[in-house]
């Protein structure tokens, strides 16, 4: 995707050149916005892994649906709890 700028599942959509596509977790350090698109069972662990890398002014966005069974927290609440930053949710039908 970083070379073609096309997601194979959304072939009609060209990805913007400013969108960084990486499998390296360290790339979040320079990001103004970080989108969390991981399964709900992994969001707490993922947030903990990136917590110290995040800019203090980073916008966190969760596209993960669900509630954490143990705590009853929404994904944005988990992100805020773990990182200390505010998080927004992006959802659809």
PDB file of N, CA and C in Angstrom:
ATOM      1  N   UNK A   1       0.810  -1.188   0.000  1.00  0.00           N
ATOM      2  CA  UNK A   1       0.000   0.000   0.000  1.00  0.00           C
ATOM      3  C   UNK A   1       0.858   1.259   0.000  1.00  0.00           C
ATOM      4  N   UNK A   2       2.006   1.216   0.662  1.00  0.00           N
ATOM      5  CA  UNK A   2       2.843   2.413   0.691  1.00  0.00           C
ATOM      6  C   UNK A   2       3.392   2.740  -0.694  1.00  0.00           C
ATOM      7  N   UNK A   3       3.543   1.758  -1.546  1.00  0.00           N
ATOM      8  CA  UNK A   3       4.032   1.998  -2.904  1.00  0.00           C
ATOM      9  C   UNK A   3       2.901   2.316  -3.876  1.00  0.00           C
ATOM     10  N   UNK A   4       1.819   1.552  -3.817  1.00  0.00           N
ATOM     11  CA  UNK A   4       0.729   1.739  -4.769  1.00  0.00           C
ATOM     12  C   UNK A   4      -0.254   2.818  -4.345  1.00  0.00           C
ATOM     13  N   UNK A   5      -0.281   3.147  -3.029  1.00  0.00           N
ATOM     14  CA  UNK A   5      -1.226   4.104  -2.442  1.00  0.00           C
ATOM     15  C   UNK A   5      -2.666   3.625  -2.621  1.00  0.00           C
ATOM     16  N   UNK A   6      -2.847   2.299  -2.674  1.00  0.00           N
ATOM     17  CA  UNK A   6      -4.176   1.698  -2.830  1.00  0.00           C
ATOM     18  C   UNK A   6      -4.299   0.535  -1.859  1.00  0.00           C
ATOM     19  N   UNK A   7      -5.424   0.514  -1.121  1.00  0.00           N
ATOM     20  CA  UNK A   7      -5.753  -0.613  -0.257  1.00  0.00           C
ATOM     21  C   UNK A   7      -6.414  -1.667  -1.146  1.00  0.00           C
ATOM     22  N   UNK A   8      -5.928  -2.902  -1.152  1.00  0.00           N
ATOM     23  CA  UNK A   8      -6.506  -3.932  -2.016  1.00  0.00           C
ATOM     24  C   UNK A   8      -8.008  -4.157  -1.806  1.00  0.00           C
ATOM     25  N   UNK A   9      -8.504  -3.821  -0.625  1.00  0.00           N
ATOM     26  CA  UNK A   9      -9.940  -3.996  -0.362  1.00  0.00           C
ATOM     27  C   UNK A   9     -10.763  -2.777  -0.766  1.00  0.00           C
ATOM     28  N   UNK A  10     -10.081  -1.688  -1.090  1.00  0.00           N
ATOM     29  CA  UNK A  10     -10.752  -0.454  -1.517  1.00  0.00           C
ATOM     30  C   UNK A  10     -10.043   0.078  -2.761  1.00  0.00           C
ATOM     31  N   UNK A  11     -10.028  -0.721  -3.804  1.00  0.00           N
ATOM     32  CA  UNK A  11      -9.214  -0.411  -4.980  1.00  0.00           C
ATOM     33  C   UNK A  11      -9.585   0.903  -5.657  1.00  0.00           C
ATOM     34  N   UNK A  12     -10.783   1.385  -5.471  1.00  0.00           N
ATOM     35  CA  UNK A  12     -11.205   2.628  -6.121  1.00  0.00           C
ATOM     36  C   UNK A  12     -10.770   3.864  -5.335  1.00  0.00           C
ATOM     37  N   UNK A  13     -10.154   3.655  -4.160  1.00  0.00           N
ATOM     38  CA  UNK A  13      -9.781   4.775  -3.306  1.00  0.00           C
ATOM     39  C   UNK A  13      -8.264   4.948  -3.318  1.00  0.00           C
ATOM     40  N   UNK A  14      -7.823   6.111  -3.760  1.00  0.00           N
ATOM     41  CA  UNK A  14      -6.402   6.448  -3.742  1.00  0.00           C
ATOM     42  C   UNK A  14      -6.056   7.017  -2.368  1.00  0.00           C
ATOM     43  N   UNK A  15      -5.044   6.458  -1.712  1.00  0.00           N
ATOM     44  CA  UNK A  15      -4.636   6.937  -0.392  1.00  0.00           C
ATOM     45  C   UNK A  15      -3.794   8.200  -0.532  1.00  0.00           C
ATOM     46  N   UNK A  16      -4.048   9.180   0.320  1.00  0.00           N
ATOM     47  CA  UNK A  16      -3.359  10.466   0.268  1.00  0.00           C
ATOM     48  C   UNK A  16      -1.860  10.279   0.489  1.00  0.00           C
ATOM     49  N   UNK A  17      -1.058  11.072  -0.195  1.00  0.00           N
ATOM     50  CA  UNK A  17       0.399  10.978  -0.087  1.00  0.00           C
ATOM     51  C   UNK A  17       0.910  11.285   1.316  1.00  0.00           C
ATOM     52  N   UNK A  18       0.176  12.081   2.086  1.00  0.00           N
ATOM     53  CA  UNK A  18       0.612  12.419   3.445  1.00  0.00           C
ATOM     54  C   UNK A  18       0.307  11.321   4.459  1.00  0.00           C
ATOM     55  N   UNK A  19      -0.425  10.300   4.052  1.00  0.00           N
ATOM     56  CA  UNK A  19      -0.747   9.186   4.945  1.00  0.00           C
ATOM     57  C   UNK A  19       0.451   8.245   5.011  1.00  0.00           C
ATOM     58  N   UNK A  20       0.993   8.096   6.207  1.00  0.00           N
ATOM     59  CA  UNK A  20       2.134   7.203   6.392  1.00  0.00           C
ATOM     60  C   UNK A  20       1.623   5.792   6.658  1.00  0.00           C
ATOM     61  N   UNK A  21       2.075   4.863   5.871  1.00  0.00           N
ATOM     62  CA  UNK A  21       1.702   3.458   6.033  1.00  0.00           C
ATOM     63  C   UNK A  21       2.951   2.720   6.487  1.00  0.00           C
ATOM     64  N   UNK A  22       2.885   2.141   7.679  1.00  0.00           N
ATOM     65  CA  UNK A  22       4.070   1.497   8.233  1.00  0.00           C
ATOM     66  C   UNK A  22       3.670   0.394   9.201  1.00  0.00           C
ATOM     67  N   UNK A  23       4.514  -0.605   9.297  1.00  0.00           N
ATOM     68  CA  UNK A  23       4.315  -1.646  10.303  1.00  0.00           C
ATOM     69  C   UNK A  23       5.235  -1.404  11.505  1.00  0.00           C
ATOM     70  N   UNK A  24       5.984  -0.315  11.469  1.00  0.00           N
ATOM     71  CA  UNK A  24       6.894   0.036  12.555  1.00  0.00           C
ATOM     72  C   UNK A  24       6.159   0.871  13.594  1.00  0.00           C
ATOM     73  N   UNK A  25       6.074   0.376  14.806  1.00  0.00           N
ATOM     74  CA  UNK A  25       5.328   1.068  15.851  1.00  0.00           C
ATOM     75  C   UNK A  25       5.965   2.412  16.210  1.00  0.00           C
ATOM     76  N   UNK A  26       7.245   2.563  15.976  1.00  0.00           N
ATOM     77  CA  UNK A  26       7.935   3.805  16.315  1.00  0.00           C
ATOM     78  C   UNK A  26       7.465   4.985  15.474  1.00  0.00           C
ATOM     79  N   UNK A  27       6.790   4.736  14.359  1.00  0.00           N
ATOM     80  CA  UNK A  27       6.356   5.825  13.481  1.00  0.00           C
ATOM     81  C   UNK A  27       5.307   6.717  14.135  1.00  0.00           C
ATOM     82  N   UNK A  28       4.678   6.286  15.191  1.00  0.00           N
ATOM     83  CA  UNK A  28       3.655   7.125  15.834  1.00  0.00           C
ATOM     84  C   UNK A  28       4.262   8.348  16.509  1.00  0.00           C
ATOM     85  N   UNK A  29       5.551   8.337  16.774  1.00  0.00           N
ATOM     86  CA  UNK A  29       6.198   9.431  17.491  1.00  0.00           C
ATOM     87  C   UNK A  29       6.103  10.775  16.820  1.00  0.00           C
ATOM     88  N   UNK A  30       6.046  10.819  15.515  1.00  0.00           N
ATOM     89  CA  UNK A  30       5.966  12.086  14.788  1.00  0.00           C
ATOM     90  C   UNK A  30       4.547  12.414  14.344  1.00  0.00           C
ATOM     91  N   UNK A  31       3.593  11.579  14.686  1.00  0.00           N
ATOM     92  CA  UNK A  31       2.246  11.712  14.141  1.00  0.00           C
ATOM     93  C   UNK A  31       1.376  12.679  14.934  1.00  0.00           C
ATOM     94  N   UNK A  32       0.680  13.554  14.198  1.00  0.00           N
ATOM     95  CA  UNK A  32      -0.287  14.458  14.817  1.00  0.00           C
ATOM     96  C   UNK A  32      -1.556  13.703  15.180  1.00  0.00           C
ATOM     97  N   UNK A  33      -1.868  12.668  14.392  1.00  0.00           N
ATOM     98  CA  UNK A  33      -3.059  11.855  14.640  1.00  0.00           C
ATOM     99  C   UNK A  33      -2.678  10.390  14.519  1.00  0.00           C
ATOM    100  N   UNK A  34      -3.139   9.586  15.458  1.00  0.00           N
ATOM    101  CA  UNK A  34      -2.886   8.151  15.438  1.00  0.00           C
ATOM    102  C   UNK A  34      -4.237   7.444  15.462  1.00  0.00           C
ATOM    103  N   UNK A  35      -4.476   6.618  14.441  1.00  0.00           N
ATOM    104  CA  UNK A  35      -5.724   5.868  14.345  1.00  0.00           C
ATOM    105  C   UNK A  35      -5.474   4.457  14.865  1.00  0.00           C
ATOM    106  N   UNK A  36      -6.239   4.069  15.870  1.00  0.00           N
ATOM    107  CA  UNK A  36      -6.149   2.723  16.434  1.00  0.00           C
ATOM    108  C   UNK A  36      -7.190   1.861  15.734  1.00  0.00           C
ATOM    109  N   UNK A  37      -6.703   0.915  14.929  1.00  0.00           N
ATOM    110  CA  UNK A  37      -7.574   0.018  14.177  1.00  0.00           C
ATOM    111  C   UNK A  37      -7.171  -1.416  14.473  1.00  0.00           C
ATOM    112  N   UNK A  38      -7.160  -1.743  15.747  1.00  0.00           N
ATOM    113  CA  UNK A  38      -6.787  -3.085  16.196  1.00  0.00           C
ATOM    114  C   UNK A  38      -8.023  -3.751  16.801  1.00  0.00           C
ATOM    115  N   UNK A  39      -8.026  -5.072  16.910  1.00  0.00           N
ATOM    116  CA  UNK A  39      -9.163  -5.741  17.562  1.00  0.00           C
ATOM    117  C   UNK A  39      -9.318  -5.247  18.999  1.00  0.00           C
ATOM    118  N   UNK A  40     -10.541  -5.232  19.491  1.00  0.00           N
ATOM    119  CA  UNK A  40     -10.822  -4.690  20.825  1.00  0.00           C
ATOM    120  C   UNK A  40     -10.002  -5.371  21.918  1.00  0.00           C
ATOM    121  N   UNK A  41      -9.747  -6.661  21.794  1.00  0.00           N
ATOM    122  CA  UNK A  41      -8.984  -7.360  22.836  1.00  0.00           C
ATOM    123  C   UNK A  41      -7.528  -6.891  22.894  1.00  0.00           C
ATOM    124  N   UNK A  42      -7.054  -6.184  21.856  1.00  0.00           N
ATOM    125  CA  UNK A  42      -5.658  -5.768  21.804  1.00  0.00           C
ATOM    126  C   UNK A  42      -5.461  -4.269  21.998  1.00  0.00           C
ATOM    127  N   UNK A  43      -6.524  -3.516  22.203  1.00  0.00           N
ATOM    128  CA  UNK A  43      -6.364  -2.055  22.236  1.00  0.00           C
ATOM    129  C   UNK A  43      -5.607  -1.585  23.474  1.00  0.00           C
ATOM    130  N   UNK A  44      -5.852  -2.188  24.618  1.00  0.00           N
ATOM    131  CA  UNK A  44      -5.141  -1.788  25.845  1.00  0.00           C
ATOM    132  C   UNK A  44      -3.642  -2.070  25.700  1.00  0.00           C
ATOM    133  N   UNK A  45      -3.297  -3.227  25.218  1.00  0.00           N
ATOM    134  CA  UNK A  45      -1.889  -3.604  25.046  1.00  0.00           C
ATOM    135  C   UNK A  45      -1.213  -2.718  24.000  1.00  0.00           C
ATOM    136  N   UNK A  46      -1.913  -2.422  22.910  1.00  0.00           N
ATOM    137  CA  UNK A  46      -1.354  -1.577  21.861  1.00  0.00           C
ATOM    138  C   UNK A  46      -1.136  -0.157  22.383  1.00  0.00           C
ATOM    139  N   UNK A  47      -2.104   0.374  23.110  1.00  0.00           N
ATOM    140  CA  UNK A  47      -1.965   1.714  23.686  1.00  0.00           C
ATOM    141  C   UNK A  47      -0.778   1.770  24.645  1.00  0.00           C
ATOM    142  N   UNK A  48      -0.606   0.734  25.433  1.00  0.00           N
ATOM    143  CA  UNK A  48       0.522   0.694  26.372  1.00  0.00           C
ATOM    144  C   UNK A  48       1.855   0.670  25.626  1.00  0.00           C
ATOM    145  N   UNK A  49       1.908  -0.007  24.499  1.00  0.00           N
ATOM    146  CA  UNK A  49       3.149  -0.086  23.717  1.00  0.00           C
ATOM    147  C   UNK A  49       3.534   1.259  23.120  1.00  0.00           C
ATOM    148  N   UNK A  50       2.556   2.084  22.758  1.00  0.00           N
ATOM    149  CA  UNK A  50       2.867   3.356  22.102  1.00  0.00           C
ATOM    150  C   UNK A  50       2.825   4.555  23.041  1.00  0.00           C
ATOM    151  N   UNK A  51       2.362   4.368  24.254  1.00  0.00           N
ATOM    152  CA  UNK A  51       2.157   5.469  25.203  1.00  0.00           C
ATOM    153  C   UNK A  51       3.342   6.433  25.260  1.00  0.00           C
ATOM    154  N   UNK A  52       4.529   5.930  25.445  1.00  0.00           N
ATOM    155  CA  UNK A  52       5.709   6.792  25.606  1.00  0.00           C
ATOM    156  C   UNK A  52       6.208   7.375  24.288  1.00  0.00           C
ATOM    157  N   UNK A  53       5.719   6.854  23.175  1.00  0.00           N
ATOM    158  CA  UNK A  53       6.128   7.350  21.867  1.00  0.00           C
ATOM    159  C   UNK A  53       5.262   8.503  21.372  1.00  0.00           C
ATOM    160  N   UNK A  54       4.050   8.615  21.905  1.00  0.00           N
ATOM    161  CA  UNK A  54       3.081   9.586  21.410  1.00  0.00           C
ATOM    162  C   UNK A  54       3.453  11.022  21.762  1.00  0.00           C
ATOM    163  N   UNK A  55       3.193  11.911  20.819  1.00  0.00           N
ATOM    164  CA  UNK A  55       3.305  13.338  21.123  1.00  0.00           C
ATOM    165  C   UNK A  55       2.237  13.696  22.138  1.00  0.00           C
ATOM    166  N   UNK A  56       2.503  14.645  22.997  1.00  0.00           N
ATOM    167  CA  UNK A  56       1.532  15.037  24.025  1.00  0.00           C
ATOM    168  C   UNK A  56       0.332  15.763  23.440  1.00  0.00           C
ATOM    169  N   UNK A  57       0.443  16.215  22.195  1.00  0.00           N
ATOM    170  CA  UNK A  57      -0.676  16.882  21.528  1.00  0.00           C
ATOM    171  C   UNK A  57      -1.307  16.010  20.441  1.00  0.00           C
ATOM    172  N   UNK A  58      -0.962  14.734  20.426  1.00  0.00           N
ATOM    173  CA  UNK A  58      -1.486  13.838  19.395  1.00  0.00           C
ATOM    174  C   UNK A  58      -2.987  13.620  19.571  1.00  0.00           C
ATOM    175  N   UNK A  59      -3.686  13.554  18.449  1.00  0.00           N
ATOM    176  CA  UNK A  59      -5.102  13.211  18.446  1.00  0.00           C
ATOM    177  C   UNK A  59      -5.202  11.705  18.263  1.00  0.00           C
ATOM    178  N   UNK A  60      -5.868  11.031  19.185  1.00  0.00           N
ATOM    179  CA  UNK A  60      -6.061   9.589  19.095  1.00  0.00           C
ATOM    180  C   UNK A  60      -7.471   9.321  18.603  1.00  0.00           C
ATOM    181  N   UNK A  61      -7.574   8.425  17.624  1.00  0.00           N
ATOM    182  CA  UNK A  61      -8.865   8.072  17.055  1.00  0.00           C
ATOM    183  C   UNK A  61      -9.005   6.555  17.078  1.00  0.00           C
ATOM    184  N   UNK A  62     -10.091   6.085  17.643  1.00  0.00           N
ATOM    185  CA  UNK A  62     -10.372   4.654  17.661  1.00  0.00           C
ATOM    186  C   UNK A  62     -11.423   4.332  16.603  1.00  0.00           C
ATOM    187  N   UNK A  63     -11.125   3.336  15.780  1.00  0.00           N
ATOM    188  CA  UNK A  63     -12.119   2.825  14.835  1.00  0.00           C
ATOM    189  C   UNK A  63     -12.536   1.408  15.243  1.00  0.00           C
ATOM    190  N   UNK A  64     -12.184   1.059  16.465  1.00  0.00           N
ATOM    191  CA  UNK A  64     -12.485  -0.264  17.014  1.00  0.00           C
ATOM    192  C   UNK A  64     -13.791  -0.209  17.785  1.00  0.00           C
ATOM    193  N   UNK A  65     -14.677  -1.133  17.476  1.00  0.00           N
ATOM    194  CA  UNK A  65     -15.943  -1.168  18.206  1.00  0.00           C
ATOM    195  C   UNK A  65     -15.837  -2.151  19.365  1.00  0.00           C
ATOM    196  N   UNK A  66     -16.687  -1.959  20.348  1.00  0.00           N
ATOM    197  CA  UNK A  66     -16.740  -2.911  21.441  1.00  0.00           C
ATOM    198  C   UNK A  66     -16.574  -2.285  22.809  1.00  0.00           C
ATOM    199  N   UNK A  67     -16.731  -3.126  23.795  1.00  0.00           N
ATOM    200  CA  UNK A  67     -16.595  -2.780  25.209  1.00  0.00           C
ATOM    201  C   UNK A  67     -15.628  -3.791  25.814  1.00  0.00           C
ATOM    202  N   UNK A  68     -14.732  -3.316  26.659  1.00  0.00           N
ATOM    203  CA  UNK A  68     -13.809  -4.224  27.339  1.00  0.00           C
ATOM    204  C   UNK A  68     -14.592  -5.006  28.388  1.00  0.00           C
ATOM    205  N   UNK A  69     -14.667  -6.328  28.279  1.00  0.00           N
ATOM    206  CA  UNK A  69     -15.500  -7.124  29.191  1.00  0.00           C
ATOM    207  C   UNK A  69     -15.164  -6.952  30.674  1.00  0.00           C
ATOM    208  N   UNK A  70     -13.878  -6.874  30.994  1.00  0.00           N
ATOM    209  CA  UNK A  70     -13.464  -6.803  32.398  1.00  0.00           C
ATOM    210  C   UNK A  70     -13.816  -5.483  33.066  1.00  0.00           C
ATOM    211  N   UNK A  71     -13.819  -4.391  32.292  1.00  0.00           N
ATOM    212  CA  UNK A  71     -14.005  -3.063  32.885  1.00  0.00           C
ATOM    213  C   UNK A  71     -15.286  -2.362  32.447  1.00  0.00           C
ATOM    214  N   UNK A  72     -15.858  -2.792  31.330  1.00  0.00           N
ATOM    215  CA  UNK A  72     -17.027  -2.115  30.771  1.00  0.00           C
ATOM    216  C   UNK A  72     -16.675  -0.815  30.066  1.00  0.00           C
ATOM    217  N   UNK A  73     -15.385  -0.570  29.835  1.00  0.00           N
ATOM    218  CA  UNK A  73     -14.950   0.670  29.190  1.00  0.00           C
ATOM    219  C   UNK A  73     -15.057   0.584  27.672  1.00  0.00           C
ATOM    220  N   UNK A  74     -15.405   1.742  27.063  1.00  0.00           N
ATOM    221  CA  UNK A  74     -15.363   1.855  25.606  1.00  0.00           C
ATOM    222  C   UNK A  74     -13.904   1.980  25.184  1.00  0.00           C
ATOM    223  N   UNK A  75     -13.623   1.766  23.906  1.00  0.00           N
ATOM    224  CA  UNK A  75     -12.252   1.796  23.407  1.00  0.00           C
ATOM    225  C   UNK A  75     -11.596   3.161  23.619  1.00  0.00           C
ATOM    226  N   UNK A  76     -12.349   4.244  23.438  1.00  0.00           N
ATOM    227  CA  UNK A  76     -11.789   5.582  23.664  1.00  0.00           C
ATOM    228  C   UNK A  76     -11.443   5.796  25.133  1.00  0.00           C
ATOM    229  N   UNK A  77     -12.238   5.234  26.018  1.00  0.00           N
ATOM    230  CA  UNK A  77     -11.952   5.359  27.451  1.00  0.00           C
ATOM    231  C   UNK A  77     -10.673   4.613  27.810  1.00  0.00           C
ATOM    232  N   UNK A  78     -10.453   3.479  27.195  1.00  0.00           N
ATOM    233  CA  UNK A  78      -9.221   2.719  27.427  1.00  0.00           C
ATOM    234  C   UNK A  78      -8.025   3.518  26.935  1.00  0.00           C
ATOM    235  N   UNK A  79      -8.136   4.081  25.731  1.00  0.00           N
ATOM    236  CA  UNK A  79      -7.031   4.875  25.187  1.00  0.00           C
ATOM    237  C   UNK A  79      -6.683   6.037  26.107  1.00  0.00           C
ATOM    238  N   UNK A  80      -7.694   6.731  26.593  1.00  0.00           N
ATOM    239  CA  UNK A  80      -7.465   7.857  27.497  1.00  0.00           C
ATOM    240  C   UNK A  80      -6.854   7.392  28.810  1.00  0.00           C
ATOM    241  N   UNK A  81      -7.364   6.302  29.351  1.00  0.00           N
ATOM    242  CA  UNK A  81      -6.839   5.773  30.617  1.00  0.00           C
ATOM    243  C   UNK A  81      -5.374   5.390  30.491  1.00  0.00           C
ATOM    244  N   UNK A  82      -5.017   4.716  29.424  1.00  0.00           N
ATOM    245  CA  UNK A  82      -3.665   4.190  29.260  1.00  0.00           C
ATOM    246  C   UNK A  82      -2.668   5.277  28.853  1.00  0.00           C
ATOM    247  N   UNK A  83      -3.082   6.195  27.964  1.00  0.00           N
ATOM    248  CA  UNK A  83      -2.140   7.181  27.419  1.00  0.00           C
ATOM    249  C   UNK A  83      -2.177   8.530  28.124  1.00  0.00           C
ATOM    250  N   UNK A  84      -3.287   8.837  28.776  1.00  0.00           N
ATOM    251  CA  UNK A  84      -3.446  10.151  29.376  1.00  0.00           C
ATOM    252  C   UNK A  84      -3.878  11.217  28.375  1.00  0.00           C
ATOM    253  N   UNK A  85      -4.153  10.797  27.144  1.00  0.00           N
ATOM    254  CA  UNK A  85      -4.585  11.718  26.087  1.00  0.00           C
ATOM    255  C   UNK A  85      -6.057  11.503  25.769  1.00  0.00           C
ATOM    256  N   UNK A  86      -6.694  12.532  25.250  1.00  0.00           N
ATOM    257  CA  UNK A  86      -8.092  12.405  24.842  1.00  0.00           C
ATOM    258  C   UNK A  86      -8.170  11.591  23.545  1.00  0.00           C
ATOM    259  N   UNK A  87      -9.254  10.854  23.415  1.00  0.00           N
ATOM    260  CA  UNK A  87      -9.443  10.013  22.233  1.00  0.00           C
ATOM    261  C   UNK A  87     -10.848  10.215  21.686  1.00  0.00           C
ATOM    262  N   UNK A  88     -10.957  10.099  20.387  1.00  0.00           N
ATOM    263  CA  UNK A  88     -12.243  10.212  19.700  1.00  0.00           C
ATOM    264  C   UNK A  88     -12.549   8.884  19.024  1.00  0.00           C
ATOM    265  N   UNK A  89     -13.837   8.669  18.745  1.00  0.00           N
ATOM    266  CA  UNK A  89     -14.253   7.454  18.062  1.00  0.00           C
ATOM    267  C   UNK A  89     -14.763   7.800  16.672  1.00  0.00           C
ATOM    268  N   UNK A  90     -14.438   6.965  15.709  1.00  0.00           N
ATOM    269  CA  UNK A  90     -14.955   7.074  14.361  1.00  0.00           C
ATOM    270  C   UNK A  90     -15.676   5.768  14.084  1.00  0.00           C
ATOM    271  N   UNK A  91     -16.975   5.850  13.828  1.00  0.00           N
ATOM    272  CA  UNK A  91     -17.736   4.615  13.622  1.00  0.00           C
ATOM    273  C   UNK A  91     -18.727   4.788  12.486  1.00  0.00           C
ATOM    274  N   UNK A  92     -19.274   3.699  12.073  1.00  0.00           N
ATOM    275  CA  UNK A  92     -20.239   3.702  10.991  1.00  0.00           C
ATOM    276  C   UNK A  92     -21.335   2.687  11.270  1.00  0.00           C
ATOM    277  N   UNK A  93     -22.171   2.465  10.281  1.00  0.00           N
ATOM    278  CA  UNK A  93     -23.290   1.538  10.479  1.00  0.00           C
ATOM    279  C   UNK A  93     -22.833   0.115  10.722  1.00  0.00           C
TER     280      UNK A  93
END
